[in-house]
Amino acid sequence: MTKTIIFSFFLVFLLSSCGTNKPARAKGIPENAFWAGGPDGGQWYLIDSINKSAKTINCKIYNDYTGELVIDKKFTLHCPSTDTEINWDDLEKEFRAYDGTTIYITTVDGYGKYCSFK
């Protein structure tokens, strides 16, 4: 019985620590920017424009805690399978992470590979 109670508390703790810990919006981050990331951190993103035919976005990325502008760049969609479609109308739900060069998104192509913006 005691092992069951201890295991239950451990399971609740483990599940509650797996959330996305969205930080408070730091000074300098625009109100219309959105946050994407995981328990270990993330970034704030502001998509200035989308060109669906060219498969590009103009995006600003801000540090999640300091609010500093990390990059302001035109990114191009890269998918190993060229027939992959992403949700251009709701890109906020696509963003997962940024590693300094690449924005990783949730869309998986026909080969089972994740698409990204570079």
N, C-alpha and C. Protein backbone atom coordinates (compact mmCIF):
# COMPACT_ATOMS: atom_id res chain seq x y z
N MET A 1 0.82 -1.19 0.00
CA MET A 1 0.00 0.00 0.00
C MET A 1 0.87 1.26 0.00
N THR A 2 1.90 1.28 0.85
CA THR A 2 2.79 2.45 0.92
C THR A 2 3.50 2.67 -0.41
N LYS A 3 3.95 1.58 -1.06
CA LYS A 3 4.61 1.70 -2.35
C LYS A 3 3.66 2.29 -3.38
N THR A 4 2.40 1.92 -3.33
CA THR A 4 1.40 2.44 -4.27
C THR A 4 1.20 3.94 -4.06
N ILE A 5 1.15 4.39 -2.82
CA ILE A 5 0.97 5.81 -2.53
C ILE A 5 2.20 6.60 -2.98
N ILE A 6 3.39 6.09 -2.68
CA ILE A 6 4.62 6.77 -3.10
C ILE A 6 4.70 6.83 -4.62
N PHE A 7 4.37 5.73 -5.28
CA PHE A 7 4.39 5.71 -6.74
C PHE A 7 3.38 6.70 -7.31
N SER A 8 2.20 6.80 -6.71
CA SER A 8 1.17 7.73 -7.17
C SER A 8 1.64 9.18 -7.06
N PHE A 9 2.26 9.55 -5.92
CA PHE A 9 2.80 10.90 -5.76
C PHE A 9 3.90 11.17 -6.78
N PHE A 10 4.76 10.19 -7.00
CA PHE A 10 5.84 10.35 -7.98
C PHE A 10 5.26 10.56 -9.38
N LEU A 11 4.24 9.79 -9.74
CA LEU A 11 3.63 9.90 -11.05
C LEU A 11 2.97 11.27 -11.25
N VAL A 12 2.27 11.76 -10.24
CA VAL A 12 1.64 13.08 -10.31
C VAL A 12 2.72 14.15 -10.47
N PHE A 13 3.80 14.07 -9.70
CA PHE A 13 4.90 15.03 -9.80
C PHE A 13 5.52 15.00 -11.19
N LEU A 14 5.77 13.82 -11.70
CA LEU A 14 6.39 13.67 -13.01
C LEU A 14 5.51 14.26 -14.10
N LEU A 15 4.23 13.97 -14.08
CA LEU A 15 3.32 14.49 -15.09
C LEU A 15 3.16 16.00 -15.00
N SER A 16 3.14 16.54 -13.80
CA SER A 16 2.97 17.98 -13.65
C SER A 16 4.23 18.75 -14.06
N SER A 17 5.38 18.12 -14.05
CA SER A 17 6.62 18.80 -14.42
C SER A 17 6.88 18.73 -15.92
N CYS A 18 6.02 18.07 -16.67
CA CYS A 18 6.22 17.94 -18.11
C CYS A 18 5.50 19.01 -18.91
N GLY A 19 4.96 20.02 -18.27
CA GLY A 19 4.23 21.07 -18.98
C GLY A 19 5.18 21.97 -19.74
N THR A 20 4.62 22.94 -20.46
CA THR A 20 5.44 23.88 -21.23
C THR A 20 5.81 25.05 -20.35
N ASN A 21 6.30 25.37 -19.53
CA ASN A 21 6.59 26.46 -18.62
C ASN A 21 6.76 27.79 -19.36
N LYS A 22 5.68 28.29 -19.95
CA LYS A 22 5.72 29.56 -20.68
C LYS A 22 6.09 30.68 -19.71
N PRO A 23 7.18 31.40 -20.00
CA PRO A 23 7.60 32.48 -19.10
C PRO A 23 6.71 33.72 -19.28
N ALA A 24 6.80 34.61 -18.33
CA ALA A 24 6.12 35.90 -18.45
C ALA A 24 6.74 36.65 -19.63
N ARG A 25 5.95 37.45 -20.29
CA ARG A 25 6.43 38.23 -21.44
C ARG A 25 7.39 39.31 -20.94
N ALA A 26 8.63 39.22 -21.36
CA ALA A 26 9.65 40.20 -20.95
C ALA A 26 9.44 41.51 -21.69
N LYS A 27 9.98 42.58 -21.11
CA LYS A 27 9.91 43.90 -21.73
C LYS A 27 10.57 43.83 -23.11
N GLY A 28 9.92 44.43 -24.10
CA GLY A 28 10.47 44.45 -25.45
C GLY A 28 9.88 43.40 -26.38
N ILE A 29 9.15 42.45 -25.83
CA ILE A 29 8.52 41.43 -26.68
C ILE A 29 7.14 41.95 -27.09
N PRO A 30 6.88 42.06 -28.39
CA PRO A 30 5.60 42.59 -28.85
C PRO A 30 4.41 41.77 -28.34
N GLU A 31 3.29 42.45 -28.13
CA GLU A 31 2.08 41.79 -27.62
C GLU A 31 1.57 40.70 -28.55
N ASN A 32 1.78 40.83 -29.86
CA ASN A 32 1.27 39.83 -30.79
C ASN A 32 2.27 38.71 -31.07
N ALA A 33 3.39 38.68 -30.34
CA ALA A 33 4.33 37.56 -30.44
C ALA A 33 3.77 36.37 -29.66
N PHE A 34 4.11 35.18 -30.10
CA PHE A 34 3.67 33.96 -29.41
C PHE A 34 4.89 33.18 -28.93
N TRP A 35 4.68 32.40 -27.88
CA TRP A 35 5.77 31.61 -27.30
C TRP A 35 5.61 30.16 -27.72
N ALA A 36 6.73 29.51 -28.02
CA ALA A 36 6.75 28.08 -28.30
C ALA A 36 8.00 27.50 -27.66
N GLY A 37 7.85 26.33 -27.08
CA GLY A 37 8.98 25.68 -26.44
C GLY A 37 8.52 24.54 -25.57
N GLY A 38 9.37 24.15 -24.66
CA GLY A 38 9.08 23.04 -23.78
C GLY A 38 9.53 23.35 -22.36
N PRO A 39 9.60 22.33 -21.52
CA PRO A 39 9.97 22.54 -20.11
C PRO A 39 11.37 23.14 -19.92
N ASP A 40 12.24 22.95 -20.91
CA ASP A 40 13.60 23.47 -20.78
C ASP A 40 13.76 24.87 -21.37
N GLY A 41 12.67 25.45 -21.88
CA GLY A 41 12.74 26.80 -22.42
C GLY A 41 12.17 26.88 -23.82
N GLY A 42 12.22 28.06 -24.38
CA GLY A 42 11.69 28.28 -25.72
C GLY A 42 12.03 29.67 -26.18
N GLN A 43 11.26 30.18 -27.13
CA GLN A 43 11.45 31.52 -27.65
C GLN A 43 10.09 32.15 -27.91
N TRP A 44 10.11 33.47 -28.07
CA TRP A 44 8.95 34.23 -28.51
C TRP A 44 9.14 34.50 -29.99
N TYR A 45 8.09 34.30 -30.78
CA TYR A 45 8.13 34.45 -32.23
C TYR A 45 7.13 35.50 -32.68
N LEU A 46 7.51 36.27 -33.68
CA LEU A 46 6.61 37.22 -34.31
C LEU A 46 6.75 37.03 -35.82
N ILE A 47 5.70 36.53 -36.44
CA ILE A 47 5.71 36.33 -37.89
C ILE A 47 5.22 37.62 -38.53
N ASP A 48 6.10 38.31 -39.25
CA ASP A 48 5.75 39.57 -39.90
C ASP A 48 5.00 39.36 -41.20
N SER A 49 5.39 38.35 -41.96
CA SER A 49 4.71 38.08 -43.23
C SER A 49 4.90 36.62 -43.63
N ILE A 50 3.97 36.17 -44.46
CA ILE A 50 3.98 34.79 -44.97
C ILE A 50 3.81 34.85 -46.47
N ASN A 51 4.65 34.12 -47.20
CA ASN A 51 4.51 33.97 -48.64
C ASN A 51 4.33 32.48 -48.92
N LYS A 52 3.07 32.06 -49.04
CA LYS A 52 2.78 30.63 -49.21
C LYS A 52 3.36 30.08 -50.51
N SER A 53 3.29 30.84 -51.59
CA SER A 53 3.78 30.33 -52.87
C SER A 53 5.31 30.15 -52.85
N ALA A 54 6.03 31.06 -52.20
CA ALA A 54 7.48 30.93 -52.09
C ALA A 54 7.89 30.06 -50.90
N LYS A 55 6.92 29.71 -50.06
CA LYS A 55 7.15 28.91 -48.85
C LYS A 55 8.15 29.57 -47.92
N THR A 56 7.95 30.89 -47.70
CA THR A 56 8.83 31.65 -46.82
C THR A 56 8.01 32.41 -45.78
N ILE A 57 8.69 32.73 -44.68
CA ILE A 57 8.12 33.60 -43.65
C ILE A 57 9.19 34.62 -43.25
N ASN A 58 8.77 35.81 -42.92
CA ASN A 58 9.65 36.78 -42.27
C ASN A 58 9.31 36.69 -40.79
N CYS A 59 10.30 36.38 -39.98
CA CYS A 59 10.04 36.10 -38.57
C CYS A 59 11.10 36.74 -37.68
N LYS A 60 10.63 37.30 -36.58
CA LYS A 60 11.52 37.80 -35.53
C LYS A 60 11.44 36.80 -34.37
N ILE A 61 12.59 36.52 -33.77
CA ILE A 61 12.64 35.59 -32.64
C ILE A 61 13.29 36.32 -31.48
N TYR A 62 12.62 36.24 -30.31
CA TYR A 62 13.06 36.93 -29.11
C TYR A 62 13.45 35.93 -28.02
N ASN A 63 14.46 36.28 -27.23
CA ASN A 63 14.86 35.48 -26.09
C ASN A 63 13.69 35.40 -25.11
N ASP A 64 13.40 34.21 -24.62
CA ASP A 64 12.20 34.03 -23.79
C ASP A 64 12.28 34.69 -22.42
N TYR A 65 13.46 34.98 -21.93
CA TYR A 65 13.55 35.60 -20.60
C TYR A 65 14.00 37.06 -20.62
N THR A 66 14.92 37.40 -21.54
CA THR A 66 15.43 38.78 -21.56
C THR A 66 14.62 39.69 -22.48
N GLY A 67 13.95 39.11 -23.47
CA GLY A 67 13.21 39.90 -24.44
C GLY A 67 14.06 40.44 -25.57
N GLU A 68 15.36 40.12 -25.56
CA GLU A 68 16.24 40.58 -26.64
C GLU A 68 15.86 39.95 -27.97
N LEU A 69 15.97 40.76 -29.04
CA LEU A 69 15.77 40.24 -30.39
C LEU A 69 16.95 39.34 -30.73
N VAL A 70 16.67 38.08 -31.01
CA VAL A 70 17.71 37.11 -31.35
C VAL A 70 18.02 37.16 -32.84
N ILE A 71 16.95 37.22 -33.65
CA ILE A 71 17.12 37.24 -35.11
C ILE A 71 15.88 37.81 -35.76
N ASP A 72 16.06 38.47 -36.88
CA ASP A 72 15.00 39.01 -37.73
C ASP A 72 15.38 38.57 -39.13
N LYS A 73 14.68 37.57 -39.68
CA LYS A 73 15.16 36.91 -40.89
C LYS A 73 14.01 36.36 -41.72
N LYS A 74 14.27 36.20 -43.01
CA LYS A 74 13.37 35.46 -43.89
C LYS A 74 13.78 33.99 -43.83
N PHE A 75 12.85 33.14 -43.44
CA PHE A 75 13.09 31.70 -43.34
C PHE A 75 12.35 30.99 -44.48
N THR A 76 12.93 29.94 -45.00
CA THR A 76 12.33 29.15 -46.07
C THR A 76 11.98 27.77 -45.55
N LEU A 77 10.80 27.29 -45.93
CA LEU A 77 10.36 25.96 -45.51
C LEU A 77 11.19 24.88 -46.18
N HIS A 78 11.62 23.91 -45.38
CA HIS A 78 12.37 22.75 -45.88
C HIS A 78 11.66 21.49 -45.42
N CYS A 79 11.23 20.67 -46.37
CA CYS A 79 10.63 19.37 -46.08
C CYS A 79 11.29 18.35 -46.99
N PRO A 80 11.73 17.21 -46.46
CA PRO A 80 12.33 16.20 -47.32
C PRO A 80 11.39 15.75 -48.45
N SER A 81 10.11 15.72 -48.20
CA SER A 81 9.12 15.37 -49.23
C SER A 81 8.49 16.66 -49.74
N THR A 82 8.56 16.92 -51.02
CA THR A 82 8.08 18.19 -51.59
C THR A 82 6.57 18.32 -51.61
N ASP A 83 5.83 17.25 -51.43
CA ASP A 83 4.37 17.33 -51.47
C ASP A 83 3.74 17.54 -50.09
N THR A 84 4.54 17.88 -49.10
CA THR A 84 4.05 18.09 -47.74
C THR A 84 3.40 19.45 -47.61
N GLU A 85 2.25 19.49 -46.98
CA GLU A 85 1.55 20.74 -46.71
C GLU A 85 1.59 21.05 -45.23
N ILE A 86 1.82 22.29 -44.89
CA ILE A 86 1.76 22.72 -43.50
C ILE A 86 0.55 23.63 -43.32
N ASN A 87 0.21 23.90 -42.08
CA ASN A 87 -0.93 24.75 -41.77
C ASN A 87 -0.49 26.21 -41.78
N TRP A 88 -0.46 26.81 -42.97
CA TRP A 88 -0.02 28.20 -43.12
C TRP A 88 -0.92 29.16 -42.38
N ASP A 89 -2.18 28.81 -42.21
CA ASP A 89 -3.13 29.72 -41.58
C ASP A 89 -3.05 29.72 -40.06
N ASP A 90 -2.33 28.79 -39.49
CA ASP A 90 -2.20 28.71 -38.03
C ASP A 90 -0.79 28.24 -37.67
N LEU A 91 0.21 28.98 -38.15
CA LEU A 91 1.61 28.59 -37.94
C LEU A 91 2.01 28.52 -36.48
N GLU A 92 1.33 29.28 -35.63
CA GLU A 92 1.68 29.24 -34.19
C GLU A 92 1.65 27.82 -33.65
N LYS A 93 0.71 27.03 -34.11
CA LYS A 93 0.59 25.65 -33.63
C LYS A 93 1.64 24.74 -34.23
N GLU A 94 2.32 25.18 -35.27
CA GLU A 94 3.35 24.38 -35.93
C GLU A 94 4.72 24.49 -35.24
N PHE A 95 5.02 25.63 -34.63
CA PHE A 95 6.36 25.89 -34.10
C PHE A 95 6.66 25.03 -32.88
N ARG A 96 7.88 24.45 -32.86
CA ARG A 96 8.34 23.66 -31.71
C ARG A 96 9.56 24.26 -31.04
N ALA A 97 10.59 24.61 -31.85
CA ALA A 97 11.85 25.06 -31.25
C ALA A 97 12.70 25.79 -32.29
N TYR A 98 13.66 26.55 -31.79
CA TYR A 98 14.65 27.24 -32.63
C TYR A 98 16.02 26.96 -32.05
N ASP A 99 16.98 26.54 -32.90
CA ASP A 99 18.31 26.17 -32.39
C ASP A 99 19.41 27.16 -32.77
N GLY A 100 19.04 28.32 -33.27
CA GLY A 100 20.05 29.30 -33.68
C GLY A 100 20.15 29.42 -35.19
N THR A 101 19.68 28.41 -35.91
CA THR A 101 19.66 28.46 -37.37
C THR A 101 18.35 27.94 -37.95
N THR A 102 17.68 27.06 -37.24
CA THR A 102 16.52 26.37 -37.78
C THR A 102 15.34 26.48 -36.83
N ILE A 103 14.15 26.75 -37.41
CA ILE A 103 12.90 26.68 -36.65
C ILE A 103 12.30 25.31 -36.93
N TYR A 104 12.17 24.50 -35.92
CA TYR A 104 11.59 23.17 -36.07
C TYR A 104 10.09 23.25 -35.88
N ILE A 105 9.35 22.54 -36.74
CA ILE A 105 7.89 22.56 -36.67
C ILE A 105 7.36 21.15 -36.50
N THR A 106 6.06 21.05 -36.24
CA THR A 106 5.45 19.76 -35.91
C THR A 106 5.09 18.93 -37.13
N THR A 107 5.03 19.53 -38.32
CA THR A 107 4.63 18.78 -39.51
C THR A 107 5.66 17.73 -39.87
N VAL A 108 5.16 16.53 -40.12
CA VAL A 108 6.00 15.41 -40.54
C VAL A 108 5.65 15.13 -42.01
N ASP A 109 6.66 14.95 -42.83
CA ASP A 109 6.40 14.71 -44.26
C ASP A 109 6.10 13.24 -44.54
N GLY A 110 5.93 12.91 -45.79
CA GLY A 110 5.60 11.55 -46.21
C GLY A 110 6.67 10.52 -45.88
N TYR A 111 7.89 10.96 -45.59
CA TYR A 111 8.98 10.06 -45.24
C TYR A 111 9.13 9.89 -43.73
N GLY A 112 8.27 10.56 -42.98
CA GLY A 112 8.36 10.50 -41.52
C GLY A 112 9.38 11.45 -40.94
N LYS A 113 9.83 12.44 -41.72
CA LYS A 113 10.83 13.42 -41.28
C LYS A 113 10.12 14.74 -40.95
N TYR A 114 10.62 15.42 -39.93
CA TYR A 114 10.06 16.71 -39.56
C TYR A 114 10.48 17.77 -40.58
N CYS A 115 9.57 18.68 -40.85
CA CYS A 115 9.86 19.84 -41.68
C CYS A 115 10.43 20.93 -40.79
N SER A 116 11.03 21.96 -41.41
CA SER A 116 11.61 23.06 -40.66
C SER A 116 11.69 24.30 -41.53
N PHE A 117 11.96 25.42 -40.89
CA PHE A 117 12.24 26.67 -41.58
C PHE A 117 13.71 26.99 -41.36
N LYS A 118 14.44 27.27 -42.44
CA LYS A 118 15.87 27.61 -42.35
C LYS A 118 16.10 28.91 -43.06
